[in-house]
Structures are given as C-alpha cells and as structure tokens.
Protein backbone atom coordinates (compact mmCIF):
# COMPACT_ATOMS: atom_id res chain seq x y z
CA UNK A 1 9.40 151.54 39.88
CA UNK A 2 9.21 155.25 39.20
CA UNK A 3 11.61 156.97 36.76
CA UNK A 4 13.07 158.87 39.70
CA UNK A 5 13.85 155.63 41.55
CA UNK A 6 15.46 154.17 38.44
CA UNK A 7 17.58 157.29 38.07
CA UNK A 8 18.64 157.18 41.73
CA UNK A 9 19.59 153.49 41.52
CA UNK A 10 21.61 154.07 38.36
CA UNK A 11 23.40 157.03 39.97
CA UNK A 12 24.23 154.97 43.05
CA UNK A 13 25.66 152.13 40.91
CA UNK A 14 27.80 154.49 38.84
CA UNK A 15 29.25 156.34 41.81
CA UNK A 16 30.07 153.12 43.62
CA UNK A 17 32.05 151.88 40.63
CA UNK A 18 33.69 155.23 40.05
CA UNK A 19 34.98 155.52 43.62
CA UNK A 20 36.46 152.03 43.91
CA UNK A 21 39.68 152.87 42.02
CA UNK A 22 39.96 156.10 43.99
CA UNK A 23 39.90 154.13 47.24
CA UNK A 24 42.82 151.94 46.18
CA UNK A 25 45.36 154.79 46.23
CA UNK A 26 44.82 155.82 49.89
CA UNK A 27 44.75 152.16 50.90
CA UNK A 28 48.04 151.49 49.09
CA UNK A 29 49.62 154.55 50.69
CA UNK A 30 48.46 153.46 54.13
CA UNK A 31 49.91 149.97 53.72
CA UNK A 32 53.21 151.21 52.32
CA UNK A 33 53.54 153.57 55.27
CA UNK A 34 53.73 150.52 57.56
CA UNK A 35 57.15 149.60 56.22
CA UNK A 36 59.01 152.70 57.39
CA UNK A 37 62.60 153.39 56.39
CA UNK A 38 65.51 151.30 57.59
CA UNK A 39 67.52 152.96 60.35
CA UNK A 40 70.78 154.44 59.14
CA UNK A 41 72.80 152.97 62.01
CA UNK A 42 72.38 149.28 61.09
CA UNK A 43 75.39 147.11 60.41
CA UNK A 44 78.53 146.02 62.18
CA UNK A 45 80.42 148.74 64.05
CA UNK A 46 83.77 147.51 65.38
CA UNK A 47 82.37 143.99 65.80
CA UNK A 48 79.14 145.15 67.44
CA UNK A 49 75.56 145.40 66.25
CA UNK A 50 73.52 148.52 66.96
CA UNK A 51 72.15 148.46 70.53
CA UNK A 52 68.41 148.07 71.01
CA UNK A 53 66.35 151.18 71.75
CA UNK A 54 64.55 151.49 75.10
CA UNK A 55 61.36 150.05 73.57
CA UNK A 56 60.66 146.31 74.04
CA UNK A 57 60.38 145.62 70.28
CA UNK A 58 64.00 144.51 69.83
CA UNK A 59 66.28 141.64 70.81
CA UNK A 60 70.07 141.61 70.57
CA UNK A 61 72.57 138.93 71.56
CA UNK A 62 75.01 141.67 72.55
CA UNK A 63 72.53 143.46 74.85
CA UNK A 64 73.50 143.96 78.47
CA UNK A 65 69.95 143.92 79.85
CA UNK A 66 67.67 140.90 80.26
CA UNK A 67 64.72 142.51 78.45
CA UNK A 68 66.59 142.76 75.15
CA UNK A 69 69.12 139.92 75.49
CA UNK A 70 68.80 136.76 73.43
CA UNK A 71 71.45 134.05 73.18
CA UNK A 72 73.61 134.10 70.04
CA UNK A 73 73.07 131.40 67.45
CA UNK A 74 75.63 128.58 67.42
CA UNK A 75 77.87 128.06 64.42
CA UNK A 76 77.00 125.17 62.15
CA UNK A 77 80.45 124.23 60.87
CA UNK A 78 82.73 127.11 59.92
CA UNK A 79 81.67 130.76 59.82
CA UNK A 80 81.40 130.55 56.01
CA UNK A 81 79.32 127.37 56.16
CA UNK A 82 77.04 128.93 58.77
CA UNK A 83 76.54 132.04 56.64
CA UNK A 84 75.60 129.87 53.64
CA UNK A 85 73.13 127.87 55.77
CA UNK A 86 71.61 131.06 57.18
CA UNK A 87 71.07 132.32 53.63
CA UNK A 88 69.28 129.07 52.76
CA UNK A 89 67.08 129.28 55.84
CA UNK A 90 66.21 132.91 55.14
CA UNK A 91 65.41 132.13 51.49
CA UNK A 92 62.88 129.51 52.60
CA UNK A 93 61.07 131.84 55.01
CA UNK A 94 57.92 133.65 53.81
CA UNK A 95 58.00 137.44 53.38
CA UNK A 96 61.78 137.72 53.88
CA UNK A 97 64.14 139.71 51.71
CA UNK A 98 67.91 139.54 52.07
CA UNK A 99 69.00 143.15 51.62
CA UNK A 100 72.66 143.15 52.58
CA UNK A 101 75.40 140.56 52.50
CA UNK A 102 79.08 140.81 53.30
CA UNK A 103 81.60 138.28 54.63
CA UNK A 104 80.46 137.59 58.19
CA UNK A 105 77.33 139.76 57.97
CA UNK A 106 73.75 139.38 56.73
CA UNK A 107 70.78 141.74 57.00
CA UNK A 108 67.24 140.72 56.11
CA UNK A 109 63.86 142.42 56.18
CA UNK A 110 60.91 140.43 57.50
CA UNK A 111 57.40 141.69 56.64
CA UNK A 112 54.35 140.87 58.73
CA UNK A 113 51.54 139.03 56.99
CA UNK A 114 48.65 141.42 57.47
CA UNK A 115 49.87 145.00 57.74
CA UNK A 116 53.31 144.47 56.13
CA UNK A 117 55.21 145.93 59.09
CA UNK A 118 58.94 145.51 58.47
CA UNK A 119 61.46 144.23 61.00
CA UNK A 120 65.21 144.41 60.44
CA UNK A 121 67.16 141.27 61.33
CA UNK A 122 70.97 141.23 61.38
CA UNK A 123 73.46 138.40 61.73
CA UNK A 124 77.10 139.00 62.65
CA UNK A 125 78.86 135.69 62.04
CA UNK A 126 81.96 135.38 64.21
CA UNK A 127 84.46 132.60 64.82
CA UNK A 128 82.56 131.13 67.78
CA UNK A 129 78.89 132.18 67.39
CA UNK A 130 76.41 134.26 65.39
CA UNK A 131 75.36 137.48 67.08
CA UNK A 132 71.83 138.50 66.15
CA UNK A 133 69.68 141.61 66.34
CA UNK A 134 66.00 141.73 65.40
CA UNK A 135 64.07 144.99 65.74
CA UNK A 136 60.75 146.42 64.62
CA UNK A 137 60.98 149.63 62.61
CA UNK A 138 57.69 151.04 63.85
CA UNK A 139 55.69 150.88 67.04
CA UNK A 140 56.60 150.28 70.64
CA UNK A 141 55.68 146.71 71.62
CA UNK A 142 55.96 143.71 69.32
CA UNK A 143 54.38 141.02 71.55
CA UNK A 144 57.65 139.04 71.51
CA UNK A 145 57.57 138.64 67.69
CA UNK A 146 61.29 139.40 67.31
CA UNK A 147 62.28 136.99 70.09
CA UNK A 148 60.08 134.21 68.67
CA UNK A 149 61.52 134.81 65.20
CA UNK A 150 65.11 134.36 66.36
CA UNK A 151 64.19 131.23 68.33
CA UNK A 152 62.46 129.82 65.24
CA UNK A 153 65.54 130.59 63.13
CA UNK A 154 67.68 128.88 65.80
CA UNK A 155 65.57 125.72 65.45
CA UNK A 156 65.62 125.85 61.65
CA UNK A 157 69.40 126.29 61.63
CA UNK A 158 69.86 123.34 64.02
CA UNK A 159 67.81 121.13 61.66
CA UNK A 160 70.11 121.85 58.72
CA UNK A 161 72.45 118.96 57.78
C-alpha cells in the first residue's frame, strides 16, 4: 500500500470518529422535538374536558360527534378507589408519566416507542363514570392509537380486583 493510501485511510478513520459525537446533538434535538409542548387548555373546566380539535388524533368521552366520541370508563368502587386503581394501572404501563393529580382528576403523558411522540391523556373521575380524553400533541392522524389506548386501559381497569 502506498504512503498516500495509508494517509487517506488514516484520515478517513479519524474524521469518521470525530463526526460521530457531532451527529448525536442534531439527532437528540430531532427526537426531543417530537414531544412538543403540552397544550395550555388541558384540565377540567366546569366539569368538562377540553374538546377535541377537528383532527382525528383525539378521543373524548364528552365529544358530541361519533368520530371523537369514546365511552367513559366505568367506576371501580367509589370515585376515590377508581382514581387509586387508575394510578396503579398507569404506573404499570410502559413510557407513561403521571404529570398532574388532583381529587377527581389525573393527567398522564404517554410516549410512543420509536419516535417518542407524546400524547396527553386525561381522566375526570365523577360520581358515576370516568370521563376520558386522549389526544396527540403533534400530527394529524394517529391511526386510532388514542382510541386503542383508552380501550386497553378500560380492559386493564376491569381486570383490577
């Protein structure tokens, strides 16, 4: 191998190693951008959760239209017992963070496995049922992810003793 070839190979190896750490920063920024910021209008407003936007990436048990409507979750005992059970179920779910808790209200953030997209899920625990809202922060369509999530939580809650 000629000295020039050796020099070129060494230069290629050094630059490859030198650029790897530099690639991590843009990649980290890209992935963190997938989380978005939580909407400021979340929470309970006079006994109601925030309505869904026009996009199909949201379900709400208080919605008036069929596209966004999902049945509320049933109580499992009293409202307080149901809230405690919901907290247990949420704690056992992967990539879930409980971010707000008040008597009769829970809000959790669910992160997707690959791109770490964040969905906001709210529970308004009443005297007869649990109203729910699950919405994606980013994007337009969610391929029924929010609806499937609530139905999975419904099953998990029903299995609790």
